[in-house]
Amino acid sequence: MTTVSACWRALTDLVLGADARVRRRVRLSMIAVWGYSISSVLLVYAMQIGLVARVPGEMLLAYMWVGMTTFYLLVRTDWSTRLGSPGMDLPQCLYALVAILFAYAITGPVRSSVLMMIALVLVFGMFTLSARQVFIMGAATVLGLGVVMATLVQLYPAEFDPKLELIKFVLAASTLPAVSAVAFYVAQVRGRLVQQKAELRKAFDRLQDIATRDELTGLVNRRHMLSLIQQAMQRQQRAGEGFCLALIDLDHFKRINDLHGHQAGDAALRHFAETARAELRQTDTLARWGGEEFLLMLPSPDPGPGGALQALGRIREALQAQPLADGSLRLGFSAGITEHPAGEALDLTLERADRALYAAKAAGRQRTEVLPVPAPRERPLVKPAQV
């Protein structure tokens, strides 16, 4: 059963594609495949019983299958996106309209029934075309039908009665705009729904950003950082992926506020955040912990104190090389680093990082201290805290 499922999955991926967006577009194209297939069967039958001449019938068959295959390949390979029409919706509808008008010209006594397929194409357009494209399709349908009927009357007056063709055209020309109007309205509603969905997504992303990020610096906020650390602790329990924490405090930040004002203090916080992010790995997470304090989490690979020291060293060098404001103010920081051993409560790790930070400040600031993890027998046996 597993082999059958795997083979079926491979077959569907081959036909529809593995990408979800491409699969949706190919499925819609399969509606056209179904329509062309039924039409082809009926056309072959009409040729066999003499309703349709063989040469024009074969020409129409070739036209349908070449077009259907071409559109399928364009959508399946996603070349349609490069051409500016991912689903090739309007081109497919216009191509089908030409096929229907061709069929109207060659199907003899049953040609009137062929006109019903135009409405089917317009209904399909309700769910795939934009409002502007529906208008183009409706106008092309009425114009194309009028041109074909007039041409047939001129070329074959004995077979096509002008009065009868005029009645057919007036009926079609009065009915098709109504169908087009409905399709136009549906397309407008669908367009508004798509726009509203996009706006809701933007609003949701904005709310999520507000809930998880510090507004001033753009860094992860304290609440979200605690959640990320909890996830890292769970990965550590499952896969042994350790991590380090570094508690960082900007040196003499109060002096910056007192001498230069709170705007300069805010600029200093943003400057530190931007500089630090530029020097960190994508897997590292820096959060504003509170005030002028920041918390840095450095996960595997190589999350040891040596790697953390190097990362903080790069940040310190970058801050010295990029002074703030007029160049007279260079930021410095003190930091405390420690590892988080599996099974230890988070508050104990944070307390150890805080003691390392205090040691760095006591030693003269603008430095980093590492506080190693106590031996197992010296650590309290406490389960990981639920954050």
Protein backbone atom coordinates (compact mmCIF):
# COMPACT_ATOMS: atom_id res chain seq x y z
CA MET A 1 0.00 0.00 0.00
CA THR A 2 2.87 2.33 0.78
CA THR A 3 4.44 1.65 -2.62
CA VAL A 4 1.12 2.37 -4.36
CA SER A 5 0.72 5.62 -2.43
CA ALA A 6 4.27 6.66 -3.27
CA CYS A 7 3.74 5.90 -6.96
CA TRP A 8 0.46 7.83 -6.98
CA ARG A 9 2.10 10.77 -5.25
CA ALA A 10 4.96 10.74 -7.77
CA LEU A 11 2.47 10.61 -10.66
CA THR A 12 0.40 13.53 -9.35
CA ASP A 13 3.56 15.55 -8.73
CA LEU A 14 4.64 14.84 -12.30
CA VAL A 15 1.29 15.87 -13.78
CA LEU A 16 0.28 18.70 -11.44
CA GLY A 17 3.64 19.82 -10.05
CA ALA A 18 4.98 19.82 -6.49
CA ASP A 19 4.53 23.55 -5.85
CA ALA A 20 1.12 24.31 -4.30
CA ARG A 21 0.52 27.41 -6.42
CA VAL A 22 1.35 25.60 -9.65
CA ARG A 23 -0.90 22.68 -8.65
CA ARG A 24 -3.88 25.03 -8.17
CA ARG A 25 -3.34 26.59 -11.60
CA VAL A 26 -2.90 23.22 -13.33
CA ARG A 27 -6.12 21.93 -11.74
CA LEU A 28 -8.00 24.89 -13.17
CA SER A 29 -6.45 24.21 -16.56
CA MET A 30 -7.74 20.64 -16.30
CA ILE A 31 -11.27 22.04 -16.61
CA ALA A 32 -10.32 23.16 -20.12
CA VAL A 33 -8.81 19.73 -20.79
CA TRP A 34 -12.13 18.13 -19.86
CA GLY A 35 -14.07 20.51 -22.11
CA TYR A 36 -11.73 20.00 -25.06
CA SER A 37 -11.84 16.22 -24.59
CA ILE A 38 -15.67 16.06 -24.70
CA SER A 39 -15.75 18.46 -27.65
CA SER A 40 -13.17 16.34 -29.49
CA VAL A 41 -15.22 13.16 -29.03
CA LEU A 42 -18.36 14.88 -30.33
CA LEU A 43 -16.45 16.42 -33.23
CA VAL A 44 -15.03 13.05 -34.29
CA TYR A 45 -18.53 11.56 -34.13
CA ALA A 46 -19.91 14.44 -36.20
CA MET A 47 -17.20 13.83 -38.79
CA GLN A 48 -18.07 10.13 -38.95
CA ILE A 49 -21.79 10.72 -39.54
CA GLY A 50 -21.13 13.43 -42.10
CA LEU A 51 -22.23 16.52 -40.16
CA VAL A 52 -18.74 18.02 -40.32
CA ALA A 53 -16.35 17.87 -43.26
CA ARG A 54 -13.15 15.97 -42.48
CA VAL A 55 -10.57 18.67 -43.37
CA PRO A 56 -12.04 21.53 -41.28
CA GLY A 57 -12.86 19.04 -38.52
CA GLU A 58 -9.27 17.83 -38.35
CA MET A 59 -8.06 21.43 -38.41
CA LEU A 60 -10.26 22.23 -35.41
CA LEU A 61 -9.05 19.12 -33.58
CA ALA A 62 -5.44 20.10 -34.16
CA TYR A 63 -6.17 23.67 -33.05
CA MET A 64 -7.75 22.51 -29.77
CA TRP A 65 -5.12 19.96 -28.80
CA VAL A 66 -2.10 22.05 -29.75
CA GLY A 67 -3.50 24.96 -27.73
CA MET A 68 -4.48 22.79 -24.77
CA THR A 69 -1.06 21.14 -24.65
CA THR A 70 0.73 24.46 -24.98
CA PHE A 71 -1.23 26.11 -22.15
CA TYR A 72 -0.75 23.06 -19.93
CA LEU A 73 3.02 23.09 -20.42
CA LEU A 74 3.25 26.85 -19.83
CA VAL A 75 1.33 26.59 -16.56
CA ARG A 76 2.94 23.32 -15.42
CA THR A 77 6.49 24.63 -15.94
CA ASP A 78 5.52 28.04 -14.47
CA TRP A 79 6.69 29.77 -17.63
CA SER A 80 3.28 31.44 -17.56
CA THR A 81 4.43 33.48 -14.55
CA ARG A 82 7.40 34.79 -16.54
CA LEU A 83 4.98 35.78 -19.31
CA GLY A 84 2.96 37.82 -16.80
CA SER A 85 -0.10 35.54 -16.61
CA PRO A 86 0.42 32.74 -14.04
CA GLY A 87 -2.79 30.88 -14.85
CA MET A 88 -2.99 31.99 -18.52
CA ASP A 89 -6.67 32.62 -17.77
CA LEU A 90 -7.50 35.33 -20.32
CA PRO A 91 -5.39 33.77 -23.11
CA GLN A 92 -7.10 30.41 -22.52
CA CYS A 93 -10.57 31.97 -22.60
CA LEU A 94 -9.83 33.88 -25.82
CA TYR A 95 -8.32 30.75 -27.38
CA ALA A 96 -11.44 28.77 -26.45
CA LEU A 97 -13.64 31.51 -27.93
CA VAL A 98 -11.84 31.19 -31.28
CA ALA A 99 -12.36 27.40 -31.17
CA ILE A 100 -16.09 27.86 -30.49
CA LEU A 101 -16.51 30.35 -33.34
CA PHE A 102 -14.59 27.98 -35.64
CA ALA A 103 -16.91 25.15 -34.57
CA TYR A 104 -19.95 27.37 -35.23
CA ALA A 105 -18.76 27.86 -38.79
CA ILE A 106 -18.29 24.16 -39.61
CA THR A 107 -20.87 22.21 -37.58
CA GLY A 108 -23.81 22.61 -39.93
CA PRO A 109 -27.30 21.98 -38.48
CA VAL A 110 -26.10 21.76 -34.86
CA ARG A 111 -24.15 25.02 -34.93
CA SER A 112 -26.69 26.85 -32.76
CA SER A 113 -25.98 24.50 -29.85
CA VAL A 114 -22.29 25.40 -30.09
CA LEU A 115 -23.11 28.96 -29.00
CA MET A 116 -24.05 27.66 -25.54
CA MET A 117 -20.39 26.89 -24.93
CA ILE A 118 -19.61 30.61 -25.04
CA ALA A 119 -21.66 31.06 -21.88
CA LEU A 120 -19.66 28.22 -20.30
CA VAL A 121 -16.41 30.06 -21.05
CA LEU A 122 -17.81 33.26 -19.52
CA VAL A 123 -18.93 31.39 -16.39
CA PHE A 124 -15.41 29.95 -16.09
CA GLY A 125 -14.12 33.52 -16.36
CA MET A 126 -16.17 34.53 -13.31
CA PHE A 127 -13.81 32.62 -11.07
CA THR A 128 -10.51 33.26 -12.84
CA LEU A 129 -10.58 36.62 -14.61
CA SER A 130 -10.33 40.11 -13.22
CA ALA A 131 -13.18 42.58 -13.82
CA ARG A 132 -11.20 44.23 -16.63
CA GLN A 133 -10.48 40.88 -18.26
CA VAL A 134 -14.17 39.92 -18.08
CA PHE A 135 -15.03 43.14 -19.94
CA ILE A 136 -12.42 42.33 -22.60
CA MET A 137 -13.76 38.80 -22.95
CA GLY A 138 -17.37 39.92 -23.29
CA ALA A 139 -16.52 42.55 -25.89
CA ALA A 140 -14.36 40.08 -27.85
CA THR A 141 -17.20 37.53 -27.79
CA VAL A 142 -19.84 39.86 -29.22
CA LEU A 143 -17.45 41.32 -31.79
CA GLY A 144 -16.08 37.93 -32.84
CA LEU A 145 -19.54 36.40 -33.19
CA GLY A 146 -20.69 39.33 -35.32
CA VAL A 147 -17.64 39.09 -37.59
CA VAL A 148 -18.02 35.31 -38.06
CA MET A 149 -21.75 35.52 -38.81
CA ALA A 150 -21.28 38.37 -41.29
CA THR A 151 -18.44 36.53 -43.01
CA LEU A 152 -20.44 33.33 -43.33
CA VAL A 153 -23.41 35.22 -44.80
CA GLN A 154 -21.14 36.86 -47.36
CA LEU A 155 -19.27 33.70 -48.34
CA TYR A 156 -22.13 31.18 -48.21
CA PRO A 157 -25.41 33.05 -48.78
CA ALA A 158 -27.21 29.89 -49.84
CA GLU A 159 -26.37 28.11 -46.56
CA PHE A 160 -26.61 31.04 -44.15
CA ASP A 161 -29.82 33.06 -44.21
CA PRO A 162 -28.98 36.72 -43.35
CA LYS A 163 -32.28 37.21 -41.49
CA LEU A 164 -31.81 34.07 -39.42
CA GLU A 165 -28.21 34.93 -38.64
CA LEU A 166 -29.29 38.43 -37.61
CA ILE A 167 -31.84 37.00 -35.19
CA LYS A 168 -29.19 34.69 -33.72
CA PHE A 169 -26.74 37.54 -33.37
CA VAL A 170 -29.26 39.86 -31.69
CA LEU A 171 -30.27 37.13 -29.24
CA ALA A 172 -26.63 36.31 -28.49
CA ALA A 173 -25.60 39.96 -28.33
CA SER A 174 -28.38 40.71 -25.86
CA THR A 175 -27.80 37.60 -23.74
CA LEU A 176 -24.01 37.60 -23.59
CA PRO A 177 -23.70 41.10 -22.07
CA ALA A 178 -26.02 39.98 -19.27
CA VAL A 179 -23.82 36.96 -18.60
CA SER A 180 -20.74 39.19 -18.88
CA ALA A 181 -22.29 41.65 -16.42
CA VAL A 182 -22.79 38.88 -13.87
CA ALA A 183 -19.25 37.66 -14.44
CA PHE A 184 -17.99 41.26 -14.15
CA TYR A 185 -19.80 41.69 -10.82
CA VAL A 186 -18.49 38.36 -9.48
CA ALA A 187 -14.97 39.30 -10.58
CA GLN A 188 -15.26 42.65 -8.77
CA VAL A 189 -16.48 40.95 -5.59
CA ARG A 190 -13.69 38.39 -5.85
CA GLY A 191 -11.15 41.18 -6.36
CA ARG A 192 -12.41 43.02 -3.27
CA LEU A 193 -12.25 39.82 -1.24
CA VAL A 194 -8.67 39.23 -2.36
CA GLN A 195 -7.79 42.82 -1.42
CA GLN A 196 -9.51 42.52 1.95
CA LYS A 197 -7.68 39.25 2.61
CA ALA A 198 -4.37 40.93 1.82
CA GLU A 199 -5.23 43.85 4.10
CA LEU A 200 -6.24 41.48 6.91
CA ARG A 201 -2.96 39.60 6.46
CA LYS A 202 -1.02 42.86 6.70
CA ALA A 203 -2.99 43.87 9.80
CA PHE A 204 -2.40 40.47 11.39
CA ASP A 205 1.31 40.64 10.61
CA ARG A 206 1.40 44.13 12.10
CA LEU A 207 -0.36 42.99 15.29
CA GLN A 208 1.95 40.00 15.54
CA ASP A 209 4.93 42.30 15.07
CA ILE A 210 3.65 44.61 17.83
CA ALA A 211 3.12 41.64 20.13
CA THR A 212 6.56 40.13 19.60
CA ARG A 213 8.90 43.08 18.93
CA ASP A 214 10.19 46.08 20.80
CA GLU A 215 8.82 49.18 19.11
CA LEU A 216 11.93 51.32 19.59
CA THR A 217 14.67 48.93 18.45
CA GLY A 218 12.74 46.42 16.34
CA LEU A 219 14.30 43.61 18.37
CA VAL A 220 12.42 40.69 19.88
CA ASN A 221 10.72 41.80 23.10
CA ARG A 222 11.08 40.14 26.50
CA ARG A 223 7.89 38.08 26.32
CA HIS A 224 8.66 36.62 22.91
CA MET A 225 12.27 35.98 23.89
CA LEU A 226 11.12 33.89 26.83
CA SER A 227 8.96 31.87 24.43
CA LEU A 228 11.90 31.36 22.06
CA ILE A 229 14.16 30.25 24.91
CA GLN A 230 11.50 27.78 26.03
CA GLN A 231 11.45 26.32 22.51
CA ALA A 232 15.25 26.07 22.57
CA MET A 233 15.06 24.24 25.91
CA GLN A 234 12.62 21.74 24.43
CA ARG A 235 14.90 21.14 21.43
CA GLN A 236 17.76 20.65 23.85
CA GLN A 237 15.80 17.98 25.71
CA ARG A 238 14.90 16.20 22.45
CA ALA A 239 18.08 16.53 20.39
CA GLY A 240 20.76 17.80 22.75
CA GLU A 241 21.10 21.15 20.94
CA GLY A 242 22.61 23.40 23.59
CA PHE A 243 22.70 27.18 23.68
CA CYS A 244 24.37 30.11 25.45
CA LEU A 245 22.81 33.21 26.94
CA ALA A 246 24.56 36.58 27.12
CA LEU A 247 23.13 39.39 29.22
CA ILE A 248 24.29 42.77 27.86
CA ASP A 249 24.11 46.21 29.47
CA LEU A 250 25.10 49.47 27.75
CA ASP A 251 27.78 51.24 29.77
CA HIS A 252 26.98 54.65 31.27
CA PHE A 253 23.62 54.83 29.53
CA LYS A 254 22.18 57.15 32.18
CA ARG A 255 24.97 59.60 31.44
CA ILE A 256 23.96 59.63 27.76
CA ASN A 257 20.38 60.53 28.71
CA ASP A 258 21.51 63.19 31.21
CA LEU A 259 24.07 64.88 28.93
CA HIS A 260 22.45 64.47 25.49
CA GLY A 261 18.76 63.96 26.20
CA HIS A 262 16.36 61.07 25.87
CA GLN A 263 16.28 61.32 22.09
CA ALA A 264 20.00 60.61 22.04
CA GLY A 265 19.37 57.71 24.43
CA ASP A 266 16.75 56.27 22.07
CA ALA A 267 19.15 56.72 19.15
CA ALA A 268 21.85 54.88 21.12
CA LEU A 269 19.54 51.92 21.74
CA ARG A 270 18.61 51.74 18.06
CA HIS A 271 22.25 52.09 17.02
CA PHE A 272 23.29 49.22 19.27
CA ALA A 273 20.46 47.01 17.99
CA GLU A 274 21.28 47.65 14.31
CA THR A 275 25.03 47.18 14.82
CA ALA A 276 24.62 43.99 16.84
CA ARG A 277 22.22 42.38 14.37
CA ALA A 278 24.67 43.03 11.54
CA GLU A 279 27.39 41.08 13.38
CA LEU A 280 25.31 38.10 14.53
CA ARG A 281 24.38 34.87 12.79
CA GLN A 282 20.87 34.42 11.44
CA THR A 283 20.30 31.72 14.03
CA ASP A 284 21.20 34.05 16.93
CA THR A 285 18.44 36.01 18.63
CA LEU A 286 18.89 39.41 20.28
CA ALA A 287 16.12 40.81 22.47
CA ARG A 288 15.62 44.03 24.34
CA TRP A 289 15.38 42.73 27.86
CA GLY A 290 14.48 46.00 29.54
CA GLY A 291 15.79 49.57 29.58
CA GLU A 292 19.36 49.46 28.32
CA GLU A 293 19.65 45.70 28.89
CA PHE A 294 19.67 43.14 26.07
CA LEU A 295 19.61 39.35 26.07
CA LEU A 296 21.39 37.35 23.38
CA MET A 297 20.70 33.66 22.71
CA LEU A 298 23.30 31.77 20.66
CA PRO A 299 22.12 28.25 19.72
CA SER A 300 23.93 25.34 18.09
CA PRO A 301 26.12 24.82 16.20
CA ASP A 302 29.07 25.83 18.37
CA PRO A 303 27.09 27.79 20.97
CA GLY A 304 29.86 27.55 23.57
CA PRO A 305 31.28 30.47 25.54
CA GLY A 306 34.16 30.79 23.07
CA GLY A 307 31.80 31.43 20.16
CA ALA A 308 29.71 33.82 22.27
CA LEU A 309 32.86 35.77 23.24
CA GLN A 310 33.81 36.10 19.59
CA ALA A 311 30.33 37.34 18.65
CA LEU A 312 30.35 39.97 21.40
CA GLY A 313 33.86 40.95 20.41
CA ARG A 314 32.71 41.63 16.86
CA ILE A 315 29.84 43.76 18.13
CA ARG A 316 32.17 45.74 20.42
CA GLU A 317 34.62 46.40 17.57
CA ALA A 318 31.80 47.48 15.26
CA LEU A 319 30.46 49.91 17.85
CA GLN A 320 33.89 51.45 18.27
CA ALA A 321 34.26 51.78 14.51
CA GLN A 322 30.81 53.37 14.09
CA PRO A 323 30.38 56.29 16.49
CA LEU A 324 26.96 57.71 17.17
CA ALA A 325 25.69 61.11 16.03
CA ASP A 326 28.51 63.59 15.39
CA GLY A 327 31.25 61.06 16.12
CA SER A 328 31.85 62.14 19.69
CA LEU A 329 29.80 59.35 21.24
CA ARG A 330 30.95 55.75 21.07
CA LEU A 331 28.87 53.08 22.73
CA GLY A 332 30.35 50.42 24.98
CA PHE A 333 28.78 47.55 26.88
CA SER A 334 29.38 45.01 29.58
CA ALA A 335 28.18 41.44 29.20
CA GLY A 336 27.88 38.20 31.09
CA ILE A 337 27.89 34.83 29.32
CA THR A 338 26.83 31.41 30.52
CA GLU A 339 25.66 28.14 29.02
CA HIS A 340 22.29 26.57 29.66
CA PRO A 341 22.68 22.93 30.68
CA ALA A 342 19.86 20.52 29.91
CA GLY A 343 17.45 20.12 32.81
CA GLU A 344 18.29 23.41 34.52
CA ALA A 345 15.57 25.94 35.30
CA LEU A 346 15.72 29.02 33.10
CA ASP A 347 15.74 31.43 36.03
CA LEU A 348 18.93 29.80 37.33
CA THR A 349 20.66 30.29 33.96
CA LEU A 350 19.51 33.91 33.81
CA GLU A 351 20.70 34.49 37.37
CA ARG A 352 24.13 33.11 36.48
CA ALA A 353 24.31 35.37 33.39
CA ASP A 354 23.34 38.31 35.58
CA ARG A 355 26.13 37.51 38.06
CA ALA A 356 28.60 37.34 35.16
CA LEU A 357 27.35 40.74 33.96
CA TYR A 358 27.77 42.20 37.46
CA ALA A 359 31.33 40.85 37.53
CA ALA A 360 32.06 42.57 34.20
CA LYS A 361 30.78 45.88 35.54
CA ALA A 362 32.72 45.50 38.78
CA ALA A 363 35.90 44.82 36.78
CA GLY A 364 35.69 48.19 35.03
CA ARG A 365 32.96 47.79 32.36
CA GLN A 366 33.50 47.52 28.58
CA ARG A 367 34.29 43.84 29.00
CA THR A 368 32.70 40.40 28.99
CA GLU A 369 32.81 37.82 31.74
CA VAL A 370 32.00 34.12 31.43
CA LEU A 371 30.48 32.23 34.34
CA PRO A 372 30.79 28.46 33.76
CA VAL A 373 28.05 26.00 34.53
CA PRO A 374 28.47 24.42 37.99
CA ALA A 375 29.29 20.74 38.21
CA PRO A 376 26.16 18.51 38.22
CA ARG A 377 26.47 17.76 41.92
CA GLU A 378 26.54 21.46 42.68
CA ARG A 379 23.44 22.32 40.66
CA PRO A 380 19.96 22.19 42.16
CA LEU A 381 17.86 19.47 40.61
CA VAL A 382 15.07 21.65 39.27
CA LYS A 383 12.89 20.89 36.26
CA PRO A 384 12.83 23.46 33.43
CA ALA A 385 10.55 26.34 34.29
CA GLN A 386 7.34 26.72 32.32
CA VAL A 387 7.59 30.11 30.66
